mmCIF file of all heavy atoms, coordinates in Angstrom:
data_MODEL
# 
_entry.id   MODEL 
# 
loop_
_atom_site.group_PDB 
_atom_site.id 
_atom_site.type_symbol 
_atom_site.label_atom_id 
_atom_site.label_alt_id 
_atom_site.label_comp_id 
_atom_site.label_asym_id 
_atom_site.label_entity_id 
_atom_site.label_seq_id 
_atom_site.pdbx_PDB_ins_code 
_atom_site.Cartn_x 
_atom_site.Cartn_y 
_atom_site.Cartn_z 
_atom_site.occupancy 
_atom_site.B_iso_or_equiv 
_atom_site.pdbx_formal_charge 
_atom_site.auth_seq_id 
_atom_site.auth_comp_id 
_atom_site.auth_asym_id 
_atom_site.auth_atom_id 
_atom_site.pdbx_PDB_model_num 
ATOM 1   N N   . GLU A 1 1  ? 171.490 98.589  144.542 1.00 0.00 ? 1  GLU A N   1 
ATOM 2   C CA  . GLU A 1 1  ? 171.722 97.437  143.663 1.00 0.00 ? 1  GLU A CA  1 
ATOM 3   C C   . GLU A 1 1  ? 172.534 97.852  142.439 1.00 0.00 ? 1  GLU A C   1 
ATOM 4   O O   . GLU A 1 1  ? 173.494 97.170  142.056 1.00 0.00 ? 1  GLU A O   1 
ATOM 5   C CB  . GLU A 1 1  ? 170.393 96.824  143.232 1.00 0.00 ? 1  GLU A CB  1 
ATOM 6   C CG  . GLU A 1 1  ? 170.565 95.591  142.347 1.00 0.00 ? 1  GLU A CG  1 
ATOM 7   C CD  . GLU A 1 1  ? 169.237 94.953  141.965 1.00 0.00 ? 1  GLU A CD  1 
ATOM 8   O OE1 . GLU A 1 1  ? 168.194 95.409  142.469 1.00 0.00 ? 1  GLU A OE1 1 
ATOM 9   O OE2 . GLU A 1 1  ? 169.247 94.000  141.164 1.00 0.00 ? 1  GLU A OE2 1 
ATOM 10  N N   . GLU A 1 2  ? 172.172 98.975  141.835 1.00 0.00 ? 2  GLU A N   1 
ATOM 11  C CA  . GLU A 1 2  ? 172.896 99.461  140.661 1.00 0.00 ? 2  GLU A CA  1 
ATOM 12  C C   . GLU A 1 2  ? 174.299 99.934  141.027 1.00 0.00 ? 2  GLU A C   1 
ATOM 13  O O   . GLU A 1 2  ? 175.272 99.639  140.328 1.00 0.00 ? 2  GLU A O   1 
ATOM 14  C CB  . GLU A 1 2  ? 172.109 100.603 140.025 1.00 0.00 ? 2  GLU A CB  1 
ATOM 15  C CG  . GLU A 1 2  ? 172.760 101.172 138.771 1.00 0.00 ? 2  GLU A CG  1 
ATOM 16  C CD  . GLU A 1 2  ? 171.933 102.316 138.184 1.00 0.00 ? 2  GLU A CD  1 
ATOM 17  O OE1 . GLU A 1 2  ? 170.871 102.626 138.739 1.00 0.00 ? 2  GLU A OE1 1 
ATOM 18  O OE2 . GLU A 1 2  ? 172.360 102.891 137.177 1.00 0.00 ? 2  GLU A OE2 1 
ATOM 19  N N   . ALA A 1 3  ? 174.406 100.666 142.150 1.00 0.00 ? 3  ALA A N   1 
ATOM 20  C CA  . ALA A 1 3  ? 175.703 101.229 142.529 1.00 0.00 ? 3  ALA A CA  1 
ATOM 21  C C   . ALA A 1 3  ? 176.693 100.166 142.994 1.00 0.00 ? 3  ALA A C   1 
ATOM 22  O O   . ALA A 1 3  ? 177.907 100.302 142.792 1.00 0.00 ? 3  ALA A O   1 
ATOM 23  C CB  . ALA A 1 3  ? 175.508 102.270 143.635 1.00 0.00 ? 3  ALA A CB  1 
ATOM 24  N N   . LEU A 1 4  ? 176.176 99.101  143.647 1.00 0.00 ? 4  LEU A N   1 
ATOM 25  C CA  . LEU A 1 4  ? 177.064 98.066  144.180 1.00 0.00 ? 4  LEU A CA  1 
ATOM 26  C C   . LEU A 1 4  ? 177.342 96.952  143.178 1.00 0.00 ? 4  LEU A C   1 
ATOM 27  O O   . LEU A 1 4  ? 178.101 96.026  143.488 1.00 0.00 ? 4  LEU A O   1 
ATOM 28  C CB  . LEU A 1 4  ? 176.454 97.456  145.449 1.00 0.00 ? 4  LEU A CB  1 
ATOM 29  C CG  . LEU A 1 4  ? 176.420 98.359  146.695 1.00 0.00 ? 4  LEU A CG  1 
ATOM 30  C CD1 . LEU A 1 4  ? 175.654 97.676  147.815 1.00 0.00 ? 4  LEU A CD1 1 
ATOM 31  C CD2 . LEU A 1 4  ? 177.822 98.703  147.150 1.00 0.00 ? 4  LEU A CD2 1 
ATOM 32  N N   . ALA A 1 5  ? 176.722 97.019  141.994 1.00 0.00 ? 5  ALA A N   1 
ATOM 33  C CA  . ALA A 1 5  ? 176.873 95.934  141.017 1.00 0.00 ? 5  ALA A CA  1 
ATOM 34  C C   . ALA A 1 5  ? 178.337 95.653  140.664 1.00 0.00 ? 5  ALA A C   1 
ATOM 35  O O   . ALA A 1 5  ? 178.758 94.488  140.631 1.00 0.00 ? 5  ALA A O   1 
ATOM 36  C CB  . ALA A 1 5  ? 176.067 96.234  139.762 1.00 0.00 ? 5  ALA A CB  1 
ATOM 37  N N   . PRO A 1 6  ? 179.193 96.691  140.411 1.00 0.00 ? 6  PRO A N   1 
ATOM 38  C CA  . PRO A 1 6  ? 180.594 96.383  140.088 1.00 0.00 ? 6  PRO A CA  1 
ATOM 39  C C   . PRO A 1 6  ? 181.327 95.673  141.216 1.00 0.00 ? 6  PRO A C   1 
ATOM 40  O O   . PRO A 1 6  ? 182.104 94.738  140.972 1.00 0.00 ? 6  PRO A O   1 
ATOM 41  C CB  . PRO A 1 6  ? 181.196 97.773  139.810 1.00 0.00 ? 6  PRO A CB  1 
ATOM 42  C CG  . PRO A 1 6  ? 180.052 98.631  139.435 1.00 0.00 ? 6  PRO A CG  1 
ATOM 43  C CD  . PRO A 1 6  ? 178.908 98.143  140.260 1.00 0.00 ? 6  PRO A CD  1 
ATOM 44  N N   . VAL A 1 7  ? 181.085 96.108  142.465 1.00 0.00 ? 7  VAL A N   1 
ATOM 45  C CA  . VAL A 1 7  ? 181.764 95.471  143.603 1.00 0.00 ? 7  VAL A CA  1 
ATOM 46  C C   . VAL A 1 7  ? 181.288 94.036  143.775 1.00 0.00 ? 7  VAL A C   1 
ATOM 47  O O   . VAL A 1 7  ? 182.089 93.132  144.032 1.00 0.00 ? 7  VAL A O   1 
ATOM 48  C CB  . VAL A 1 7  ? 181.527 96.289  144.888 1.00 0.00 ? 7  VAL A CB  1 
ATOM 49  C CG1 . VAL A 1 7  ? 182.039 95.538  146.113 1.00 0.00 ? 7  VAL A CG1 1 
ATOM 50  C CG2 . VAL A 1 7  ? 182.222 97.632  144.786 1.00 0.00 ? 7  VAL A CG2 1 
ATOM 51  N N   . LYS A 1 8  ? 179.983 93.809  143.634 1.00 0.00 ? 8  LYS A N   1 
ATOM 52  C CA  . LYS A 1 8  ? 179.465 92.446  143.786 1.00 0.00 ? 8  LYS A CA  1 
ATOM 53  C C   . LYS A 1 8  ? 180.008 91.529  142.693 1.00 0.00 ? 8  LYS A C   1 
ATOM 54  O O   . LYS A 1 8  ? 180.294 90.355  142.944 1.00 0.00 ? 8  LYS A O   1 
ATOM 55  C CB  . LYS A 1 8  ? 177.927 92.467  143.770 1.00 0.00 ? 8  LYS A CB  1 
ATOM 56  C CG  . LYS A 1 8  ? 177.320 93.115  145.017 1.00 0.00 ? 8  LYS A CG  1 
ATOM 57  C CD  . LYS A 1 8  ? 175.816 93.010  145.006 1.00 0.00 ? 8  LYS A CD  1 
ATOM 58  C CE  . LYS A 1 8  ? 175.217 93.631  146.262 1.00 0.00 ? 8  LYS A CE  1 
ATOM 59  N NZ  . LYS A 1 8  ? 175.631 92.883  147.483 1.00 0.00 ? 8  LYS A NZ  1 
ATOM 60  N N   . ALA A 1 9  ? 180.133 92.078  141.477 1.00 0.00 ? 9  ALA A N   1 
ATOM 61  C CA  . ALA A 1 9  ? 180.699 91.265  140.395 1.00 0.00 ? 9  ALA A CA  1 
ATOM 62  C C   . ALA A 1 9  ? 182.153 90.918  140.696 1.00 0.00 ? 9  ALA A C   1 
ATOM 63  O O   . ALA A 1 9  ? 182.608 89.792  140.460 1.00 0.00 ? 9  ALA A O   1 
ATOM 64  C CB  . ALA A 1 9  ? 180.586 92.017  139.070 1.00 0.00 ? 9  ALA A CB  1 
ATOM 65  N N   . LEU A 1 10 ? 182.914 91.900  141.209 1.00 0.00 ? 10 LEU A N   1 
ATOM 66  C CA  . LEU A 1 10 ? 184.304 91.647  141.569 1.00 0.00 ? 10 LEU A CA  1 
ATOM 67  C C   . LEU A 1 10 ? 184.397 90.603  142.682 1.00 0.00 ? 10 LEU A C   1 
ATOM 68  O O   . LEU A 1 10 ? 185.237 89.700  142.634 1.00 0.00 ? 10 LEU A O   1 
ATOM 69  C CB  . LEU A 1 10 ? 184.962 92.961  142.016 1.00 0.00 ? 10 LEU A CB  1 
ATOM 70  C CG  . LEU A 1 10 ? 186.435 92.861  142.451 1.00 0.00 ? 10 LEU A CG  1 
ATOM 71  C CD1 . LEU A 1 10 ? 187.306 92.393  141.288 1.00 0.00 ? 10 LEU A CD1 1 
ATOM 72  C CD2 . LEU A 1 10 ? 186.927 94.216  142.958 1.00 0.00 ? 10 LEU A CD2 1 
ATOM 73  N N   . ASN A 1 11 ? 183.523 90.714  143.685 1.00 0.00 ? 11 ASN A N   1 
ATOM 74  C CA  . ASN A 1 11 ? 183.523 89.730  144.768 1.00 0.00 ? 11 ASN A CA  1 
ATOM 75  C C   . ASN A 1 11 ? 183.160 88.340  144.255 1.00 0.00 ? 11 ASN A C   1 
ATOM 76  O O   . ASN A 1 11 ? 183.697 87.334  144.731 1.00 0.00 ? 11 ASN A O   1 
ATOM 77  C CB  . ASN A 1 11 ? 182.539 90.150  145.862 1.00 0.00 ? 11 ASN A CB  1 
ATOM 78  C CG  . ASN A 1 11 ? 183.055 91.318  146.680 1.00 0.00 ? 11 ASN A CG  1 
ATOM 79  O OD1 . ASN A 1 11 ? 184.245 91.627  146.620 1.00 0.00 ? 11 ASN A OD1 1 
ATOM 80  N ND2 . ASN A 1 11 ? 182.185 91.975  147.433 1.00 0.00 ? 11 ASN A ND2 1 
ATOM 81  N N   . GLN A 1 12 ? 182.252 88.298  143.279 1.00 0.00 ? 12 GLN A N   1 
ATOM 82  C CA  . GLN A 1 12 ? 181.867 86.993  142.724 1.00 0.00 ? 12 GLN A CA  1 
ATOM 83  C C   . GLN A 1 12 ? 183.056 86.355  142.018 1.00 0.00 ? 12 GLN A C   1 
ATOM 84  O O   . GLN A 1 12 ? 183.308 85.150  142.168 1.00 0.00 ? 12 GLN A O   1 
ATOM 85  C CB  . GLN A 1 12 ? 180.697 87.183  141.732 1.00 0.00 ? 12 GLN A CB  1 
ATOM 86  C CG  . GLN A 1 12 ? 180.141 85.887  141.154 1.00 0.00 ? 12 GLN A CG  1 
ATOM 87  C CD  . GLN A 1 12 ? 179.476 85.023  142.208 1.00 0.00 ? 12 GLN A CD  1 
ATOM 88  O OE1 . GLN A 1 12 ? 178.964 85.538  143.189 1.00 0.00 ? 12 GLN A OE1 1 
ATOM 89  N NE2 . GLN A 1 12 ? 179.502 83.711  142.025 1.00 0.00 ? 12 GLN A NE2 1 
ATOM 90  N N   . ARG A 1 13 ? 183.820 87.169  141.275 1.00 0.00 ? 13 ARG A N   1 
ATOM 91  C CA  . ARG A 1 13 ? 185.012 86.623  140.613 1.00 0.00 ? 13 ARG A CA  1 
ATOM 92  C C   . ARG A 1 13 ? 186.052 86.177  141.637 1.00 0.00 ? 13 ARG A C   1 
ATOM 93  O O   . ARG A 1 13 ? 186.734 85.164  141.443 1.00 0.00 ? 13 ARG A O   1 
ATOM 94  C CB  . ARG A 1 13 ? 185.599 87.681  139.667 1.00 0.00 ? 13 ARG A CB  1 
ATOM 95  C CG  . ARG A 1 13 ? 184.729 87.977  138.458 1.00 0.00 ? 13 ARG A CG  1 
ATOM 96  C CD  . ARG A 1 13 ? 185.498 88.761  137.402 1.00 0.00 ? 13 ARG A CD  1 
ATOM 97  N NE  . ARG A 1 13 ? 185.872 90.080  137.864 1.00 0.00 ? 13 ARG A NE  1 
ATOM 98  C CZ  . ARG A 1 13 ? 185.099 91.164  137.725 1.00 0.00 ? 13 ARG A CZ  1 
ATOM 99  N NH1 . ARG A 1 13 ? 183.912 91.061  137.140 1.00 0.00 ? 13 ARG A NH1 1 
ATOM 100 N NH2 . ARG A 1 13 ? 185.530 92.345  138.144 1.00 0.00 ? 13 ARG A NH2 1 
ATOM 101 N N   . SER A 1 14 ? 186.171 86.932  142.734 1.00 0.00 ? 14 SER A N   1 
ATOM 102 C CA  . SER A 1 14 ? 187.116 86.536  143.789 1.00 0.00 ? 14 SER A CA  1 
ATOM 103 C C   . SER A 1 14 ? 186.708 85.216  144.410 1.00 0.00 ? 14 SER A C   1 
ATOM 104 O O   . SER A 1 14 ? 187.563 84.368  144.718 1.00 0.00 ? 14 SER A O   1 
ATOM 105 C CB  . SER A 1 14 ? 187.183 87.631  144.869 1.00 0.00 ? 14 SER A CB  1 
ATOM 106 O OG  . SER A 1 14 ? 187.640 88.848  144.328 1.00 0.00 ? 14 SER A OG  1 
ATOM 107 N N   . LEU A 1 15 ? 185.403 85.014  144.597 1.00 0.00 ? 15 LEU A N   1 
ATOM 108 C CA  . LEU A 1 15 ? 184.926 83.734  145.153 1.00 0.00 ? 15 LEU A CA  1 
ATOM 109 C C   . LEU A 1 15 ? 185.245 82.576  144.215 1.00 0.00 ? 15 LEU A C   1 
ATOM 110 O O   . LEU A 1 15 ? 185.652 81.499  144.667 1.00 0.00 ? 15 LEU A O   1 
ATOM 111 C CB  . LEU A 1 15 ? 183.416 83.812  145.405 1.00 0.00 ? 15 LEU A CB  1 
ATOM 112 C CG  . LEU A 1 15 ? 182.960 84.627  146.625 1.00 0.00 ? 15 LEU A CG  1 
ATOM 113 C CD1 . LEU A 1 15 ? 181.442 84.743  146.647 1.00 0.00 ? 15 LEU A CD1 1 
ATOM 114 C CD2 . LEU A 1 15 ? 183.451 83.977  147.916 1.00 0.00 ? 15 LEU A CD2 1 
ATOM 115 N N   . LEU A 1 16 ? 185.064 82.826  142.921 1.00 0.00 ? 16 LEU A N   1 
ATOM 116 C CA  . LEU A 1 16 ? 185.358 81.758  141.962 1.00 0.00 ? 16 LEU A CA  1 
ATOM 117 C C   . LEU A 1 16 ? 186.844 81.418  141.958 1.00 0.00 ? 16 LEU A C   1 
ATOM 118 O O   . LEU A 1 16 ? 187.225 80.232  141.911 1.00 0.00 ? 16 LEU A O   1 
ATOM 119 C CB  . LEU A 1 16 ? 184.910 82.182  140.561 1.00 0.00 ? 16 LEU A CB  1 
ATOM 120 C CG  . LEU A 1 16 ? 183.392 82.314  140.362 1.00 0.00 ? 16 LEU A CG  1 
ATOM 121 C CD1 . LEU A 1 16 ? 183.071 82.839  138.971 1.00 0.00 ? 16 LEU A CD1 1 
ATOM 122 C CD2 . LEU A 1 16 ? 182.714 80.950  140.576 1.00 0.00 ? 16 LEU A CD2 1 
ATOM 123 N N   . ARG A 1 17 ? 187.699 82.468  142.040 1.00 0.00 ? 17 ARG A N   1 
ATOM 124 C CA  . ARG A 1 17 ? 189.141 82.212  142.087 1.00 0.00 ? 17 ARG A CA  1 
ATOM 125 C C   . ARG A 1 17 ? 189.527 81.477  143.371 1.00 0.00 ? 17 ARG A C   1 
ATOM 126 O O   . ARG A 1 17 ? 190.353 80.565  143.346 1.00 0.00 ? 17 ARG A O   1 
ATOM 127 C CB  . ARG A 1 17 ? 189.910 83.536  141.970 1.00 0.00 ? 17 ARG A CB  1 
ATOM 128 C CG  . ARG A 1 17 ? 189.905 84.138  140.589 1.00 0.00 ? 17 ARG A CG  1 
ATOM 129 C CD  . ARG A 1 17 ? 190.993 85.193  140.433 1.00 0.00 ? 17 ARG A CD  1 
ATOM 130 N NE  . ARG A 1 17 ? 190.768 86.330  141.297 1.00 0.00 ? 17 ARG A NE  1 
ATOM 131 C CZ  . ARG A 1 17 ? 190.112 87.438  140.931 1.00 0.00 ? 17 ARG A CZ  1 
ATOM 132 N NH1 . ARG A 1 17 ? 189.597 87.521  139.713 1.00 0.00 ? 17 ARG A NH1 1 
ATOM 133 N NH2 . ARG A 1 17 ? 189.972 88.442  141.763 1.00 0.00 ? 17 ARG A NH2 1 
ATOM 134 N N   . ALA A 1 18 ? 188.901 81.903  144.488 1.00 0.00 ? 18 ALA A N   1 
ATOM 135 C CA  . ALA A 1 18 ? 189.204 81.234  145.756 1.00 0.00 ? 18 ALA A CA  1 
ATOM 136 C C   . ALA A 1 18 ? 188.755 79.781  145.722 1.00 0.00 ? 18 ALA A C   1 
ATOM 137 O O   . ALA A 1 18 ? 189.427 78.890  146.258 1.00 0.00 ? 18 ALA A O   1 
ATOM 138 C CB  . ALA A 1 18 ? 188.523 81.975  146.909 1.00 0.00 ? 18 ALA A CB  1 
ATOM 139 N N   . LEU A 1 19 ? 187.609 79.526  145.084 1.00 0.00 ? 19 LEU A N   1 
ATOM 140 C CA  . LEU A 1 19 ? 187.124 78.158  144.971 1.00 0.00 ? 19 LEU A CA  1 
ATOM 141 C C   . LEU A 1 19 ? 188.078 77.319  144.134 1.00 0.00 ? 19 LEU A C   1 
ATOM 142 O O   . LEU A 1 19 ? 188.369 76.152  144.465 1.00 0.00 ? 19 LEU A O   1 
ATOM 143 C CB  . LEU A 1 19 ? 185.728 78.172  144.334 1.00 0.00 ? 19 LEU A CB  1 
ATOM 144 C CG  . LEU A 1 19 ? 185.036 76.807  144.189 1.00 0.00 ? 19 LEU A CG  1 
ATOM 145 C CD1 . LEU A 1 19 ? 184.834 76.162  145.554 1.00 0.00 ? 19 LEU A CD1 1 
ATOM 146 C CD2 . LEU A 1 19 ? 183.690 76.966  143.485 1.00 0.00 ? 19 LEU A CD2 1 
ATOM 147 N N   . LEU A 1 20 ? 188.610 77.936  143.061 1.00 0.00 ? 20 LEU A N   1 
ATOM 148 C CA  . LEU A 1 20 ? 189.577 77.231  142.226 1.00 0.00 ? 20 LEU A CA  1 
ATOM 149 C C   . LEU A 1 20 ? 190.843 76.922  143.011 1.00 0.00 ? 20 LEU A C   1 
ATOM 150 O O   . LEU A 1 20 ? 191.352 75.788  142.974 1.00 0.00 ? 20 LEU A O   1 
ATOM 151 C CB  . LEU A 1 20 ? 189.903 78.080  140.995 1.00 0.00 ? 20 LEU A CB  1 
ATOM 152 C CG  . LEU A 1 20 ? 191.007 77.538  140.074 1.00 0.00 ? 20 LEU A CG  1 
ATOM 153 C CD1 . LEU A 1 20 ? 190.604 76.173  139.517 1.00 0.00 ? 20 LEU A CD1 1 
ATOM 154 C CD2 . LEU A 1 20 ? 191.302 78.521  138.959 1.00 0.00 ? 20 LEU A CD2 1 
ATOM 155 N N   . LEU A 1 21 ? 191.350 77.920  143.749 1.00 0.00 ? 21 LEU A N   1 
ATOM 156 C CA  . LEU A 1 21 ? 192.559 77.706  144.543 1.00 0.00 ? 21 LEU A CA  1 
ATOM 157 C C   . LEU A 1 21 ? 192.327 76.660  145.631 1.00 0.00 ? 21 LEU A C   1 
ATOM 158 O O   . LEU A 1 21 ? 193.196 75.826  145.906 1.00 0.00 ? 21 LEU A O   1 
ATOM 159 C CB  . LEU A 1 21 ? 193.011 79.033  145.170 1.00 0.00 ? 21 LEU A CB  1 
ATOM 160 C CG  . LEU A 1 21 ? 193.596 80.063  144.206 1.00 0.00 ? 21 LEU A CG  1 
ATOM 161 C CD1 . LEU A 1 21 ? 193.824 81.381  144.921 1.00 0.00 ? 21 LEU A CD1 1 
ATOM 162 C CD2 . LEU A 1 21 ? 194.899 79.554  143.594 1.00 0.00 ? 21 LEU A CD2 1 
ATOM 163 N N   . SER A 1 22 ? 191.146 76.716  146.263 1.00 0.00 ? 22 SER A N   1 
ATOM 164 C CA  . SER A 1 22 ? 190.842 75.732  147.299 1.00 0.00 ? 22 SER A CA  1 
ATOM 165 C C   . SER A 1 22 ? 190.788 74.327  146.718 1.00 0.00 ? 22 SER A C   1 
ATOM 166 O O   . SER A 1 22 ? 191.296 73.371  147.317 1.00 0.00 ? 22 SER A O   1 
ATOM 167 C CB  . SER A 1 22 ? 189.505 76.075  147.969 1.00 0.00 ? 22 SER A CB  1 
ATOM 168 O OG  . SER A 1 22 ? 189.557 77.343  148.589 1.00 0.00 ? 22 SER A OG  1 
ATOM 169 N N   . SER A 1 23 ? 190.173 74.232  145.539 1.00 0.00 ? 23 SER A N   1 
ATOM 170 C CA  . SER A 1 23 ? 190.103 72.922  144.892 1.00 0.00 ? 23 SER A CA  1 
ATOM 171 C C   . SER A 1 23 ? 191.502 72.397  144.565 1.00 0.00 ? 23 SER A C   1 
ATOM 172 O O   . SER A 1 23 ? 191.810 71.213  144.784 1.00 0.00 ? 23 SER A O   1 
ATOM 173 C CB  . SER A 1 23 ? 189.263 73.018  143.622 1.00 0.00 ? 23 SER A CB  1 
ATOM 174 O OG  . SER A 1 23 ? 187.957 73.451  143.924 1.00 0.00 ? 23 SER A OG  1 
ATOM 175 N N   . LEU A 1 24 ? 192.356 73.298  144.061 1.00 0.00 ? 24 LEU A N   1 
ATOM 176 C CA  . LEU A 1 24 ? 193.723 72.884  143.748 1.00 0.00 ? 24 LEU A CA  1 
ATOM 177 C C   . LEU A 1 24 ? 194.469 72.444  144.997 1.00 0.00 ? 24 LEU A C   1 
ATOM 178 O O   . LEU A 1 24 ? 195.223 71.457  144.977 1.00 0.00 ? 24 LEU A O   1 
ATOM 179 C CB  . LEU A 1 24 ? 194.464 74.036  143.077 1.00 0.00 ? 24 LEU A CB  1 
ATOM 180 C CG  . LEU A 1 24 ? 193.984 74.440  141.669 1.00 0.00 ? 24 LEU A CG  1 
ATOM 181 C CD1 . LEU A 1 24 ? 194.691 75.701  141.218 1.00 0.00 ? 24 LEU A CD1 1 
ATOM 182 C CD2 . LEU A 1 24 ? 194.226 73.303  140.691 1.00 0.00 ? 24 LEU A CD2 1 
# 
């Protein structure tokens, strides 16, 4: 959980960007 936290945070930001692009 501690070691993967940076990758999961990056993936979460990617999901938000993808959601924004999909909405657009």
